[in-house]
Amino acid sequence: MAHVRKANRGPSAAAENRAALVTAARELFATAGFGAPLSAVARRAGVGQGSLYRHFPDRASLALAVFDGNVTELESLAAERATTLDDLFARIIEQTVASVAFLDLVTSADERMAAVRTRVARLLAGKLDQARRDGTVRPDVTADDLLLVIAMLAGVLSSASAEARPAAAERSWALLRRSIRP
């Protein structure tokens, strides 16, 4: 889909441009992954690369903006008393099927992503304690183990086509789930 570059409206368009960039990046990361060309993001948003870099000086800044909503959604779900660890993983998998780039962000070695990993680890740890008490997870499983499970899912899903991703996610999670059960 061709996107026409908008006329420069100056600072008054900043919020609109930023929102368009985040939307375009979300779409491209979903289809092309975390490595999608930033020039393509700017084109899809209908802005110049200068506007992209004014808002997001690098790929990590853009990814953090794109996926902050995913983590916030997971935190809201985890805050619900009735939510189980399985519920949380089901939503992580749904988000991943929609965009494997989300897992790339969570499992990235980039230090700027540490805050995202910490947020995800914290919400997993809260549900892990309950799962241990309920006997649905082995007592020796840690939040770091669950982050490793997410990294394993990322490895499988990053090589799967968009069409194959739902089945690959379901099968992988079924296998990985067995590894943490008593």
Protein backbone atom coordinates (compact mmCIF):
# COMPACT_ATOMS: atom_id res chain seq x y z
CA MET A 1 0.00 0.00 0.00
CA ALA A 2 1.59 3.29 -1.12
CA HIS A 3 1.57 6.10 1.39
CA VAL A 4 1.70 9.71 0.32
CA ARG A 5 3.99 11.95 2.32
CA LYS A 6 2.07 14.71 4.07
CA ALA A 7 2.94 18.36 3.64
CA ASN A 8 5.08 19.64 6.48
CA ARG A 9 2.79 21.29 9.02
CA GLY A 10 5.58 21.94 11.51
CA PRO A 11 5.37 21.39 15.26
CA SER A 12 1.56 21.34 15.27
CA ALA A 13 1.64 17.90 13.63
CA ALA A 14 4.11 16.35 16.10
CA ALA A 15 1.60 14.29 18.09
CA GLU A 16 -0.17 13.10 14.95
CA ASN A 17 3.15 12.18 13.31
CA ARG A 18 4.30 10.29 16.38
CA ALA A 19 1.05 8.31 16.50
CA ALA A 20 1.33 7.54 12.78
CA LEU A 21 4.91 6.34 13.24
CA VAL A 22 3.95 4.05 16.12
CA THR A 23 1.05 2.61 14.12
CA ALA A 24 3.21 2.10 11.03
CA ALA A 25 5.97 0.45 13.07
CA ARG A 26 3.46 -1.86 14.77
CA GLU A 27 2.17 -2.96 11.36
CA LEU A 28 5.62 -3.45 9.85
CA PHE A 29 7.08 -5.18 12.92
CA ALA A 30 4.12 -7.57 12.78
CA THR A 31 4.86 -8.58 9.22
CA ALA A 32 8.60 -7.99 8.77
CA GLY A 33 9.81 -8.37 12.36
CA PHE A 34 11.95 -6.15 14.54
CA GLY A 35 14.42 -5.64 11.70
CA ALA A 36 11.90 -3.91 9.42
CA PRO A 37 13.59 -0.98 7.64
CA LEU A 38 12.99 2.29 9.46
CA SER A 39 12.70 4.04 6.10
CA ALA A 40 9.68 1.82 5.41
CA VAL A 41 8.17 2.85 8.75
CA ALA A 42 8.51 6.53 7.83
CA ARG A 43 7.02 5.91 4.37
CA ARG A 44 4.07 3.98 5.77
CA ALA A 45 3.45 6.74 8.33
CA GLY A 46 3.53 9.34 5.56
CA VAL A 47 6.38 11.31 7.13
CA GLY A 48 10.00 11.91 6.32
CA GLN A 49 12.86 10.11 8.01
CA GLY A 50 13.78 13.34 9.79
CA SER A 51 10.42 13.26 11.55
CA LEU A 52 10.98 9.61 12.46
CA TYR A 53 14.36 10.34 14.03
CA ARG A 54 13.08 13.44 15.85
CA HIS A 55 10.56 11.26 17.65
CA PHE A 56 12.59 8.05 17.85
CA PRO A 57 16.36 8.43 17.65
CA ASP A 58 16.85 4.70 17.10
CA ARG A 59 15.08 1.39 16.53
CA ALA A 60 14.96 0.57 20.25
CA SER A 61 13.15 3.82 21.07
CA LEU A 62 10.55 3.08 18.43
CA ALA A 63 10.12 -0.53 19.55
CA LEU A 64 9.67 0.55 23.15
CA ALA A 65 6.92 2.96 22.08
CA VAL A 66 5.24 0.32 19.93
CA PHE A 67 5.20 -2.41 22.53
CA ASP A 68 4.68 -0.44 25.72
CA GLY A 69 0.97 -1.04 25.21
CA ASN A 70 1.54 -4.80 25.08
CA VAL A 71 3.32 -4.79 28.43
CA THR A 72 0.73 -2.47 29.96
CA GLU A 73 -1.99 -4.85 28.80
CA LEU A 74 -0.14 -7.80 30.36
CA GLU A 75 0.27 -5.86 33.61
CA SER A 76 -3.47 -5.11 33.69
CA LEU A 77 -4.28 -8.76 33.07
CA ALA A 78 -1.82 -9.89 35.75
CA ALA A 79 -3.38 -7.45 38.24
CA GLU A 80 -6.70 -9.28 37.99
CA ARG A 81 -6.95 -11.71 40.88
CA ALA A 82 -8.52 -14.50 38.83
CA THR A 83 -5.80 -14.43 36.14
CA THR A 84 -3.58 -17.50 36.15
CA LEU A 85 -0.08 -18.02 34.80
CA ASP A 86 -1.66 -19.93 31.91
CA ASP A 87 -3.95 -16.95 31.17
CA LEU A 88 -0.92 -14.67 31.11
CA PHE A 89 1.03 -16.95 28.78
CA ALA A 90 -2.02 -17.29 26.53
CA ARG A 91 -2.08 -13.50 26.11
CA ILE A 92 1.69 -13.34 25.56
CA ILE A 93 1.28 -15.95 22.84
CA GLU A 94 -1.60 -14.02 21.26
CA GLN A 95 0.54 -10.88 21.21
CA THR A 96 3.41 -12.84 19.73
CA VAL A 97 1.30 -14.40 17.01
CA ALA A 98 0.22 -10.87 16.11
CA SER A 99 3.83 -9.65 16.11
CA VAL A 100 6.84 -11.83 16.80
CA ALA A 101 8.79 -8.59 17.15
CA PHE A 102 7.28 -8.26 20.65
CA LEU A 103 9.27 -11.28 21.77
CA ASP A 104 12.34 -9.91 20.03
CA LEU A 105 11.97 -6.87 22.26
CA VAL A 106 11.46 -8.83 25.48
CA THR A 107 14.39 -11.15 24.77
CA SER A 108 16.74 -8.53 23.32
CA ALA A 109 20.21 -8.17 24.85
CA ASP A 110 19.98 -4.39 24.39
CA GLU A 111 20.26 -2.80 27.83
CA ARG A 112 17.50 -0.31 27.04
CA MET A 113 15.12 -3.26 26.93
CA ALA A 114 16.00 -4.24 30.51
CA ALA A 115 13.06 -2.24 31.85
CA VAL A 116 10.67 -4.20 29.61
CA ARG A 117 12.20 -7.52 30.73
CA THR A 118 11.93 -6.40 34.36
CA ARG A 119 8.27 -5.48 33.94
CA VAL A 120 7.48 -8.82 32.26
CA ALA A 121 9.51 -10.78 34.84
CA ARG A 122 7.68 -9.00 37.67
CA LEU A 123 4.23 -9.85 36.37
CA LEU A 124 5.25 -13.45 35.65
CA ALA A 125 6.72 -13.80 39.16
CA GLY A 126 3.46 -12.69 40.74
CA LYS A 127 1.47 -15.35 38.91
CA LEU A 128 4.24 -17.92 39.34
CA ASP A 129 3.92 -17.75 43.13
CA GLN A 130 0.23 -18.55 42.88
CA ALA A 131 0.84 -21.36 40.35
CA ARG A 132 3.36 -22.94 42.73
CA ARG A 133 0.85 -22.75 45.60
CA ASP A 134 -1.83 -24.28 43.36
CA GLY A 135 0.56 -27.08 42.38
CA THR A 136 0.31 -26.31 38.66
CA VAL A 137 4.01 -25.42 38.38
CA ARG A 138 7.02 -27.18 39.86
CA PRO A 139 8.40 -25.44 42.97
CA ASP A 140 11.85 -25.00 41.39
CA VAL A 141 10.59 -23.00 38.39
CA THR A 142 11.67 -19.34 38.55
CA ALA A 143 10.64 -16.16 36.75
CA ASP A 144 13.96 -16.38 34.87
CA ASP A 145 12.91 -19.85 33.69
CA LEU A 146 9.69 -18.34 32.37
CA LEU A 147 11.65 -15.63 30.54
CA LEU A 148 13.69 -18.45 29.00
CA VAL A 149 10.44 -20.10 27.91
CA ILE A 150 9.48 -16.82 26.23
CA ALA A 151 12.87 -16.70 24.49
CA MET A 152 12.34 -20.27 23.26
CA LEU A 153 8.94 -19.31 21.92
CA ALA A 154 10.55 -16.34 20.19
CA GLY A 155 13.05 -18.62 18.51
CA VAL A 156 10.34 -20.90 17.16
CA LEU A 157 7.96 -18.16 16.12
CA SER A 158 10.53 -15.90 14.50
CA SER A 159 11.19 -18.55 11.88
CA ALA A 160 7.52 -19.38 11.28
CA SER A 161 5.44 -17.69 8.62
CA ALA A 162 2.53 -15.56 9.77
CA GLU A 163 0.15 -18.33 8.67
CA ALA A 164 2.04 -21.05 10.55
CA ARG A 165 2.63 -18.97 13.69
CA PRO A 166 -0.64 -19.81 15.56
CA ALA A 167 -0.15 -23.58 15.25
CA ALA A 168 3.57 -23.34 16.02
CA ALA A 169 2.83 -21.20 19.09
CA GLU A 170 0.20 -23.60 20.38
CA ARG A 171 2.38 -26.69 19.88
CA SER A 172 5.48 -25.04 21.35
CA TRP A 173 3.61 -23.77 24.39
CA ALA A 174 2.06 -27.21 24.96
CA LEU A 175 5.53 -28.76 24.97
CA LEU A 176 7.09 -26.05 27.10
CA ARG A 177 4.18 -26.10 29.56
CA ARG A 178 4.89 -29.77 30.25
CA SER A 179 8.46 -28.89 31.19
CA ILE A 180 7.37 -26.62 34.05
CA ARG A 181 4.55 -28.82 35.39
CA PRO A 182 5.01 -31.08 38.42
